[in-house]
Protein backbone atom coordinates (compact mmCIF):
# COMPACT_ATOMS: atom_id res chain seq x y z
CA MET A 1 0.00 0.00 0.00
CA LYS A 2 1.37 3.36 -1.05
CA PRO A 3 1.01 6.00 1.67
CA THR A 4 -1.14 8.97 0.72
CA PRO A 5 -1.22 12.38 2.38
CA LYS A 6 -3.28 12.31 5.57
CA TYR A 7 -3.94 15.08 8.04
CA ASP A 8 -4.81 12.51 10.73
CA PHE A 9 -1.74 10.46 9.85
CA PRO A 10 -0.99 7.04 11.33
CA VAL A 11 1.72 6.71 13.98
CA GLY A 12 3.71 3.51 14.43
CA VAL A 13 6.12 2.71 17.26
CA ARG A 14 8.92 0.15 17.15
CA ARG A 15 11.76 -0.71 19.52
CA PHE A 16 15.12 -0.61 17.78
CA SER A 17 16.28 -3.69 19.67
CA LEU A 18 13.74 -5.79 17.70
CA ASP A 19 15.62 -5.04 14.48
CA HIS A 20 18.91 -6.48 15.72
CA VAL A 21 20.06 -9.96 16.64
CA GLY A 22 22.47 -11.45 19.13
CA ASP A 23 24.41 -9.34 21.58
CA ALA A 24 23.88 -6.16 19.57
CA ALA A 25 20.11 -6.20 20.23
CA SER A 26 20.52 -5.43 23.92
CA HIS A 27 22.71 -2.42 23.11
CA TYR A 28 19.73 -0.84 21.32
CA ASP A 29 17.44 -1.14 24.36
CA GLY A 30 15.69 2.13 25.08
CA ILE A 31 15.83 3.40 21.48
CA PHE A 32 12.46 3.75 19.73
CA SER A 33 11.51 4.57 16.18
CA VAL A 34 8.29 6.48 15.58
CA ILE A 35 7.05 6.27 12.01
CA LEU A 36 4.57 8.85 10.77
CA ASN A 37 2.32 7.84 7.84
CA HIS A 38 4.65 4.92 7.08
CA THR A 39 7.21 7.35 5.62
CA VAL A 40 8.74 9.74 8.16
CA SER A 41 10.92 8.18 10.87
CA ILE A 42 11.87 9.89 14.12
CA GLU A 43 14.30 8.12 16.44
CA PHE A 44 14.05 8.51 20.22
CA VAL A 45 17.54 8.02 21.61
CA PRO A 46 18.44 8.07 25.32
CA GLU A 47 21.34 10.19 26.56
CA LEU A 48 24.07 10.69 23.96
CA ASP A 49 27.80 10.64 24.43
CA ARG A 50 28.95 13.74 22.56
CA SER A 51 32.65 13.02 22.86
CA PRO A 52 34.76 13.38 19.71
CA PRO A 53 34.35 12.67 17.00
CA TRP A 54 31.13 14.64 16.86
CA PRO A 55 28.97 14.26 14.91
CA PRO A 56 29.40 10.52 15.22
CA PRO A 57 30.63 8.72 12.11
CA ILE A 58 28.97 5.57 10.84
CA PRO A 59 30.88 2.59 12.23
CA GLU A 60 32.46 0.09 9.86
CA ASN A 61 29.91 -2.56 10.84
CA VAL A 62 26.61 -1.24 12.16
CA ASP A 63 25.52 -4.79 13.03
CA ARG A 64 28.33 -5.22 15.53
CA VAL A 65 28.00 -2.37 17.95
CA ALA A 66 29.83 -3.11 21.18
CA SER A 67 27.92 -0.99 23.70
CA PRO A 68 24.78 1.07 24.27
CA THR A 69 26.88 4.21 23.70
CA GLU A 70 27.96 2.97 20.30
CA ALA A 71 24.39 1.90 19.42
CA ARG A 72 23.07 5.37 20.27
CA ARG A 73 25.79 7.14 18.31
CA THR A 74 25.24 4.78 15.36
CA THR A 75 21.51 5.52 15.42
CA VAL A 76 22.21 9.25 15.26
CA SER A 77 24.76 8.77 12.47
CA LEU A 78 22.08 7.13 10.29
CA ALA A 79 18.98 9.15 11.27
CA ASP A 80 17.26 12.21 9.84
CA LEU A 81 15.33 13.21 12.96
CA VAL A 82 16.24 12.40 16.57
CA ILE A 83 14.66 13.26 19.93
CA THR A 84 17.12 13.00 22.81
CA PRO A 85 17.39 14.27 26.38
CA ASP A 86 19.99 16.81 27.38
CA PRO A 87 19.47 19.06 30.41
CA THR A 88 21.67 21.85 29.04
CA ARG A 89 20.22 21.78 25.51
CA ALA A 90 16.53 21.10 26.36
CA ASP A 91 14.06 22.80 24.00
CA SER A 92 16.75 23.51 21.42
CA ASP A 93 17.56 21.89 18.08
CA GLU A 94 20.84 21.07 16.40
CA LEU A 95 21.50 20.29 12.75
CA ILE A 96 24.42 17.93 12.18
CA SER A 97 25.86 16.50 8.98
CA HIS A 98 26.70 12.84 8.56
CA ALA A 99 27.59 10.44 5.76
CA ASP A 100 23.94 9.92 4.79
CA GLY A 101 23.05 13.62 4.80
CA GLN A 102 21.80 15.62 7.76
CA CYS A 103 20.17 14.91 11.08
CA VAL A 104 18.18 17.27 13.26
CA LEU A 105 18.51 16.62 16.97
CA PHE A 106 15.56 17.85 19.03
CA TYR A 107 16.61 18.11 22.66
CA THR A 108 14.22 17.62 25.57
CA SER A 109 14.69 17.64 29.30
CA PRO A 110 15.38 14.23 30.86
CA ASP A 111 11.98 14.35 32.61
CA GLU A 112 10.13 15.06 29.38
CA PHE A 113 12.05 12.29 27.61
CA ARG A 114 11.01 9.80 30.31
CA THR A 115 7.39 10.88 29.86
CA LEU A 116 7.67 10.45 26.09
CA VAL A 117 9.18 6.98 26.49
CA ARG A 118 6.32 5.94 28.79
CA GLU A 119 3.86 7.07 26.13
CA LEU A 120 5.80 5.19 23.44
CA GLN A 121 5.76 2.03 25.55
CA ALA A 122 1.99 2.35 26.07
CA ILE A 123 1.39 2.83 22.34
CA GLU A 124 3.63 -0.11 21.53
CA ARG A 125 1.70 -2.33 23.97
CA SER A 126 -1.58 -1.31 22.32
CA LEU A 127 -0.39 -2.45 18.89
CA SER A 128 -0.73 -6.13 18.07
CA ASP A 129 1.60 -6.22 15.06
CA ILE A 130 4.79 -4.40 14.06
CA HIS A 131 2.94 -2.77 11.16
CA ASP A 132 -0.02 -1.57 13.28
CA THR A 133 -0.51 2.15 13.80
CA VAL A 134 -2.78 4.57 15.61
CA PRO A 135 -4.08 7.85 14.19
CA ILE A 136 -2.35 10.90 15.63
CA SER A 137 -5.79 12.09 16.83
CA ASN A 138 -5.90 9.09 19.23
CA LEU A 139 -2.82 10.51 20.97
CA ALA A 140 -4.39 13.94 21.57
CA GLY A 141 -3.60 15.39 24.95
CA GLY A 142 -0.35 13.46 25.37
CA ARG A 143 3.13 14.93 25.35
CA LEU A 144 4.08 12.83 22.30
CA ALA A 145 1.26 14.25 20.15
CA GLY A 146 2.20 17.79 21.15
CA LEU A 147 5.86 17.19 20.38
CA LEU A 148 5.09 15.66 16.98
CA LEU A 149 2.44 18.15 15.89
CA TYR A 150 3.95 21.36 17.14
CA ARG A 151 7.65 21.04 17.63
CA ILE A 152 8.61 18.55 14.91
CA LEU A 153 6.05 19.43 12.22
CA GLY A 154 6.35 23.10 13.13
CA SER A 155 10.11 23.12 12.63
CA LYS A 156 11.91 23.74 9.38
CA ALA A 157 13.52 20.30 9.72
CA LEU A 158 11.01 18.35 7.66
CA SER A 159 11.22 18.39 3.90
CA ALA A 160 8.34 19.67 1.80
CA ASP A 161 7.71 16.06 0.69
CA ALA A 162 7.48 14.81 4.28
CA LEU A 163 5.10 17.61 5.21
CA ARG A 164 2.95 16.84 2.17
CA MET A 165 2.78 13.15 3.15
CA LEU A 166 1.60 14.25 6.59
CA GLY A 167 -1.13 16.42 5.15
CA ARG A 168 0.62 19.68 5.99
């Protein structure tokens, strides 16, 4: 099924650890992917190690990350949009360049990030299949819906094509 523009777009939630096997899977614990209208992916990444090199380069073998720190940095190095907690950068955005293009980091406070993760876990539990979604209108009133609708979609980070697919 080809996604079509929808104002009340579907939202899917998936744990990153489910996409990895063996020891590497546990290193991705706590990272979530939120997919809007089956086309726009936003990664939720716990605290990031910003030590050099920054921005993080793509590792030689992304299937063999050796730690949660490396998994988080790898996720950022491959993503377009990332939500991550940082007490000193909360409510700010950062555009970084990486091998696959650019990534926009949207910083939240650690408390807000924990709230968002709880909402993601609840949504994930409500879905019976990895391809299931819920309309964004079903999330009304939650922090996640507000973040997606106002901060992410209201930013200049999304391409015109992504905004069109989300009915904007």
